[in-house]
Amino acid sequence: MGHMTLVGKPIPPLDHEPHQFGAPPGIAVDFNALKSWDGTSNPWWTSRPTISPITVVVHTNGAGGEGNYQSAINWGNASKNNTKAHYNLNRDVPTKNVPSGRRGIANSTPYAEEVARGVRDSSFWTLAVETADRGSNNGGGTDLGDFLYNHDELLARLLAYESIVWGFPLAVPTDWVNPGVVTHTSPWDGVFTIYKGKSCPGTTKKDRVLRGDILARANEIKFAWTVGSSTPPPPELSGDDMKRSWPNRIDSRNNAFHDRLDADEERSVWISSASVGMDNPDVVTINVTAIPRTEKQGWLAVWPGGPFDPSKGQITTVNFEGSNIASQMTVPVDGNGNIMLKSNRDCDFVIDITGIYW
């Protein structure tokens, strides 16, 4: 059930507003450690796609022969295929090596899972954290010991820090496509797979993240940094309560699953992909903003599902002419948790989910 040793410890002051290029106290920032393999001296991260992470995947070691400093050889190696996590707590000096708004190389998802759930590879929407342990293993064995040094505390700090930056909850999600904190291969073995098929043993560390004191400490730190009190907050809501507290937004300008809507394209948007631990709702109340890419008059249509058919009377439209227009609407959701979008002009869109009904 975890060691419960972190909650109530002194919380270090945070001397800056959290951002994707920063790191919490005790973790260094070194974005120049990973160089490009294209023959230039550019830092590796500058060539990476931008992402908006919603989930942190904590790796608990699974690289054979690399011992306490797993993947250490990768930090100085410019090879294209080496693992490159956002945070490397297993360096001599725990370091953030990739900005959290850029795609790393560590987490990936089987293609069959992506197709089945209608999502992109998880590296487009997750942060990767490497931790050290007392052994080395590539998928065999069940436990390689507890966190080394003060890495448990540093993990809690970085979770709190990135949660402030990106807004994901400090809780274990009830579905792997939802926001939160998980460990690699647990609780979804076979979904989050490390690059080249490696897996991470380490039940002690996984238990401390998923069922022990790590998330409780992260919530305590986040509360102190954002509210200014050293009094530990109550645990963040989870399960059925958490799914009603999460502010949901789908923004095509900065989203792992959706980009700009082309003129006359019919787009299925899976509402449940933006929510936490939620069964498919029957109806949602949403605020839809059309962001046109033309000065011409146009419209953005929203309807429950199926082909675009104005005769059915279930279509709600947002009319625009060169400027962003928002409209609040209530829309039924189809049996797969989707709503449909279509515009007669190229446009981006933002969907804010303000109400959910079952």
Foldseek 3Di string as FASTA:
>chain_A
DADQPQQPDDFDAAPDQFALQDAGPQAAEDQQLAAAPPPDSHRNQVPFDFAQAQEEAEFAAAAPPPAQQPQPVVSNDNDPQGFDFQWRCSDPRTYGHHRPRGQTAWWFFPPVVCVVLVFHTNSRHYGYYYFGFGTHHFPDDAARHEGPDCVLLRLLRRVLSVCSHRVHAAADFPDPLGGYYAYWCPPPNRGTATRPRTGHHHVNHRCCSHPNCSSQSSQQNNCCNPVVDNDRDPRQDYAPVQQLVGWFKDWQVHHRRHHWAAAFDKDKDQRCSRTTNDDQFFKFKKKKKKAAPAQAKKKKKKAADDDDDVVVVRIDIFIDGNHITIDIDMYTHDPRRIMMMHMNHTIIMMITTDGTHD
